[in-house]
Amino acid sequence: MNVKIEESWKEILEDEFKKPYFKQISEHLKTEKAQGKTIYPPGSLIFNAFAQTPFDSVKVVLLGQDPYHGPRQAMGLSFSVNDGVPFPPSLINIFKELHEDVGVPMPKTGNLTPWARQGVLLLNASLTVRAGEPMSHAKIGWHHFTDTVIHRVSELKTDVVFLLWGRFAQEKISLIDTKKHHVLKAAHPSPLSANNGFFGCRHFSKTNQYLMKKGMDPIDWAL
């Protein structure tokens, strides 16, 4: 199967594209499209996280769960929305914590591509979703693929900061070699849980402190 994904990732993940589960993902998406279902993000952006953050550039992994399921929202980067799209509640809370932590003013856009281009892999556990149906593609095989991505980053790189927000993301810690990497855990930024440990976590400044300690450039969090 010739998957259109950024070359450095294609080399590292090549074996995955040959496995039965990945063929099943492809067939599932084709079937739903043939049935007239709307799938987010558009096909050209399903692997956008990899396009914006080549493997050698990865310094931070920010794990999300599911793409946004509303029109024009999902763009293949976890927590990010297209320019001009109103900010979802979790993203508003991320920006509030960003302001409190490092003083960045509330951005005019929810497009996090500038973070991705500095080495923040904005990875959702599921890379697609049916319109209006959250978690609708959570069991079609994407988790096998994205678990492999996390494991390969852990295995092949050193000194990556993993931002695990919420219980779902924190369950992925078994895929990460915590002796080689830096894991920061907090509650999910959702309005349901942000007051239970996301606000005040200071993960943006802590990430940069770690990167600088390891001789890497910090992330410019301003958008």
Protein backbone atom coordinates (compact mmCIF):
# COMPACT_ATOMS: atom_id res chain seq x y z
CA MET A 1 0.00 0.00 0.00
CA ASN A 2 1.47 3.34 -1.04
CA VAL A 3 0.55 5.65 1.83
CA LYS A 4 1.25 9.35 1.24
CA ILE A 5 3.12 10.30 4.37
CA GLU A 6 6.24 12.39 4.98
CA GLU A 7 9.34 10.46 3.85
CA SER A 8 11.19 10.15 7.16
CA TRP A 9 8.05 8.73 8.80
CA LYS A 10 7.38 6.49 5.81
CA GLU A 11 10.77 4.88 6.28
CA ILE A 12 10.23 4.27 10.00
CA LEU A 13 6.61 3.10 9.69
CA GLU A 14 6.86 1.25 6.39
CA ASP A 15 6.17 -2.17 7.93
CA GLU A 16 2.91 -0.92 9.47
CA PHE A 17 1.41 -0.08 6.08
CA LYS A 18 1.79 -3.73 5.03
CA LYS A 19 -0.06 -5.17 8.01
CA PRO A 20 -3.65 -6.45 7.81
CA TYR A 21 -4.96 -3.92 10.34
CA PHE A 22 -3.81 -1.00 8.21
CA LYS A 23 -5.51 -2.44 5.14
CA GLN A 24 -8.66 -2.73 7.25
CA ILE A 25 -8.44 0.98 8.16
CA SER A 26 -8.16 1.88 4.49
CA GLU A 27 -11.07 -0.35 3.50
CA HIS A 28 -13.23 1.01 6.33
CA LEU A 29 -12.67 4.60 5.22
CA LYS A 30 -13.37 3.75 1.58
CA THR A 31 -16.61 2.00 2.56
CA GLU A 32 -17.85 4.92 4.63
CA LYS A 33 -17.06 7.39 1.86
CA ALA A 34 -18.92 5.18 -0.64
CA GLN A 35 -21.90 5.28 1.73
CA GLY A 36 -21.85 9.07 1.59
CA LYS A 37 -20.47 9.57 5.10
CA THR A 38 -18.43 12.71 5.80
CA ILE A 39 -15.05 12.00 7.37
CA TYR A 40 -12.79 14.50 9.12
CA PRO A 41 -10.14 15.65 8.53
CA PRO A 42 -10.10 15.65 4.71
CA GLY A 43 -7.94 12.94 3.20
CA SER A 44 -5.06 15.28 2.40
CA LEU A 45 -4.73 16.19 6.09
CA ILE A 46 -5.04 12.76 7.75
CA PHE A 47 -1.24 12.57 8.09
CA ASN A 48 -0.71 16.31 8.57
CA ALA A 49 0.99 15.85 11.96
CA PHE A 50 3.73 13.88 10.22
CA ALA A 51 4.00 16.34 7.35
CA GLN A 52 4.52 19.28 9.69
CA THR A 53 6.87 17.47 12.09
CA PRO A 54 9.34 15.13 10.36
CA PHE A 55 10.75 12.38 12.56
CA ASP A 56 14.15 14.01 13.04
CA SER A 57 12.46 17.21 14.21
CA VAL A 58 10.40 15.68 17.02
CA LYS A 59 11.19 17.24 20.41
CA VAL A 60 7.76 17.13 22.04
CA VAL A 61 4.78 14.79 21.65
CA LEU A 62 1.36 16.19 22.57
CA LEU A 63 -1.15 13.37 22.47
CA GLY A 64 -4.82 13.94 21.74
CA GLN A 65 -7.60 11.39 21.52
CA ASP A 66 -9.90 12.10 18.60
CA PRO A 67 -10.11 14.65 15.76
CA TYR A 68 -12.73 17.36 16.09
CA HIS A 69 -15.97 16.21 14.46
CA GLY A 70 -17.45 19.58 13.41
CA PRO A 71 -17.24 21.27 9.99
CA ARG A 72 -13.85 22.88 9.15
CA GLN A 73 -12.39 22.06 12.58
CA ALA A 74 -10.15 19.01 12.16
CA MET A 75 -6.86 19.58 10.37
CA GLY A 76 -4.80 16.56 11.37
CA LEU A 77 -3.10 18.16 14.38
CA SER A 78 -4.25 17.36 17.91
CA PHE A 79 -6.17 20.20 19.60
CA SER A 80 -5.64 22.47 16.56
CA VAL A 81 -8.31 24.07 14.35
CA ASN A 82 -8.12 25.86 11.03
CA ASP A 83 -7.68 29.63 10.85
CA GLY A 84 -10.96 31.45 11.36
CA VAL A 85 -12.65 28.58 13.22
CA PRO A 86 -13.95 29.35 16.74
CA PHE A 87 -11.82 27.82 19.48
CA PRO A 88 -13.21 24.60 21.00
CA PRO A 89 -13.45 24.66 24.82
CA SER A 90 -10.33 22.53 25.41
CA LEU A 91 -8.26 24.79 23.18
CA ILE A 92 -9.50 27.86 25.04
CA ASN A 93 -8.29 26.28 28.28
CA ILE A 94 -4.93 25.43 26.72
CA PHE A 95 -4.51 29.07 25.75
CA LYS A 96 -5.55 30.22 29.25
CA GLU A 97 -2.87 28.02 30.83
CA LEU A 98 -0.35 29.16 28.22
CA HIS A 99 -1.03 32.77 29.18
CA GLU A 100 -0.76 32.10 32.91
CA ASP A 101 2.39 30.02 32.46
CA VAL A 102 4.51 31.97 29.98
CA GLY A 103 2.53 35.16 29.36
CA VAL A 104 1.51 34.47 25.79
CA PRO A 105 -1.62 36.52 25.02
CA MET A 106 -4.78 34.79 23.77
CA PRO A 107 -3.97 34.01 20.11
CA LYS A 108 -6.13 35.19 17.22
CA THR A 109 -5.97 31.72 15.65
CA GLY A 110 -6.36 28.18 16.94
CA ASN A 111 -4.04 26.87 14.23
CA LEU A 112 -1.13 25.20 16.04
CA THR A 113 0.95 24.57 12.92
CA PRO A 114 3.76 26.88 14.19
CA TRP A 115 4.20 24.54 17.17
CA ALA A 116 4.32 21.51 14.88
CA ARG A 117 6.98 23.12 12.69
CA GLN A 118 9.19 23.60 15.74
CA GLY A 119 9.10 19.93 16.67
CA VAL A 120 5.85 19.43 18.58
CA LEU A 121 4.23 16.27 17.21
CA LEU A 122 0.51 16.98 17.59
CA LEU A 123 -0.70 13.38 17.43
CA ASN A 124 -4.26 12.15 17.84
CA ALA A 125 -4.72 8.51 18.82
CA SER A 126 -7.36 8.21 16.08
CA LEU A 127 -6.54 10.01 12.86
CA THR A 128 -10.09 10.20 11.50
CA VAL A 129 -13.69 10.55 12.73
CA ARG A 130 -17.17 10.57 11.20
CA ALA A 131 -18.82 13.98 11.12
CA GLY A 132 -20.82 14.63 14.27
CA GLU A 133 -19.88 11.30 15.85
CA PRO A 134 -17.03 11.58 18.38
CA MET A 135 -14.89 8.46 18.81
CA SER A 136 -16.59 6.84 15.80
CA HIS A 137 -13.25 5.61 14.41
CA ALA A 138 -11.64 4.71 17.73
CA LYS A 139 -11.94 0.98 17.05
CA ILE A 140 -11.09 0.71 13.35
CA GLY A 141 -7.35 0.18 13.93
CA TRP A 142 -5.87 3.65 14.28
CA HIS A 143 -4.74 2.98 17.85
CA HIS A 144 -2.48 0.17 16.63
CA PHE A 145 -0.84 2.62 14.27
CA THR A 146 -0.45 5.57 16.64
CA ASP A 147 0.74 3.32 19.47
CA THR A 148 3.50 2.21 17.11
CA VAL A 149 4.34 5.86 16.38
CA ILE A 150 4.71 6.58 20.11
CA HIS A 151 6.78 3.45 20.64
CA ARG A 152 9.11 4.23 17.69
CA VAL A 153 9.68 7.78 18.90
CA SER A 154 10.52 6.41 22.34
CA GLU A 155 12.74 3.67 20.93
CA LEU A 156 14.66 5.64 18.32
CA LYS A 157 15.00 9.06 19.92
CA THR A 158 16.20 10.48 23.26
CA ASP A 159 15.13 13.40 25.44
CA VAL A 160 11.66 13.86 23.97
CA VAL A 161 9.06 15.58 26.17
CA PHE A 162 5.76 13.68 26.24
CA LEU A 163 2.76 15.76 27.33
CA LEU A 164 0.09 13.39 28.59
CA TRP A 165 -3.13 15.25 29.39
CA GLY A 166 -5.95 13.18 30.82
CA ARG A 167 -6.35 9.52 31.70
CA PHE A 168 -6.51 8.30 28.10
CA ALA A 169 -3.16 9.88 27.19
CA GLN A 170 -1.57 8.76 30.46
CA GLU A 171 -2.40 5.14 29.70
CA LYS A 172 0.11 5.38 26.83
CA ILE A 173 2.99 5.70 29.28
CA SER A 174 3.65 1.97 28.93
CA LEU A 175 4.86 2.72 25.37
CA ILE A 176 7.43 5.26 26.57
CA ASP A 177 10.91 4.59 27.98
CA THR A 178 10.77 7.03 30.90
CA LYS A 179 14.51 6.64 31.51
CA LYS A 180 15.28 8.19 28.11
CA HIS A 181 12.48 10.73 27.92
CA HIS A 182 10.68 13.34 30.03
CA VAL A 183 6.99 12.72 30.76
CA LEU A 184 4.70 15.48 32.03
CA LYS A 185 1.21 14.48 33.19
CA ALA A 186 -1.82 16.65 33.93
CA ALA A 187 -5.60 16.56 33.79
CA HIS A 188 -7.23 17.00 30.38
CA PRO A 189 -7.89 20.63 29.38
CA SER A 190 -11.58 19.85 28.82
CA PRO A 191 -13.94 22.07 30.87
CA LEU A 192 -14.97 18.89 32.73
CA SER A 193 -11.49 18.35 34.15
CA ALA A 194 -9.29 21.43 33.61
CA ASN A 195 -9.80 22.60 37.19
CA ASN A 196 -8.61 19.23 38.50
CA GLY A 197 -4.96 19.71 37.62
CA PHE A 198 -4.59 21.12 34.13
CA PHE A 199 -4.72 24.75 35.18
CA GLY A 200 -1.45 25.47 36.96
CA CYS A 201 0.44 22.51 35.46
CA ARG A 202 2.92 24.91 33.79
CA HIS A 203 3.77 22.34 31.13
CA PHE A 204 4.79 24.95 28.57
CA SER A 205 7.55 26.45 30.70
CA LYS A 206 8.55 23.02 32.07
CA THR A 207 8.90 21.70 28.51
CA ASN A 208 11.21 24.54 27.56
CA GLN A 209 13.26 24.21 30.74
CA TYR A 210 13.89 20.56 29.93
CA LEU A 211 14.72 21.19 26.27
CA MET A 212 17.20 23.93 27.16
CA LYS A 213 18.78 21.75 29.83
CA LYS A 214 19.38 19.16 27.10
CA GLY A 215 20.89 21.77 24.76
CA MET A 216 17.86 22.14 22.46
CA ASP A 217 16.06 25.28 21.35
CA PRO A 218 12.92 26.02 23.38
CA ILE A 219 9.49 26.13 21.72
CA ASP A 220 8.16 29.58 20.89
CA TRP A 221 4.57 29.03 22.04
CA ALA A 222 3.28 32.31 20.60
CA LEU A 223 1.03 31.99 17.58
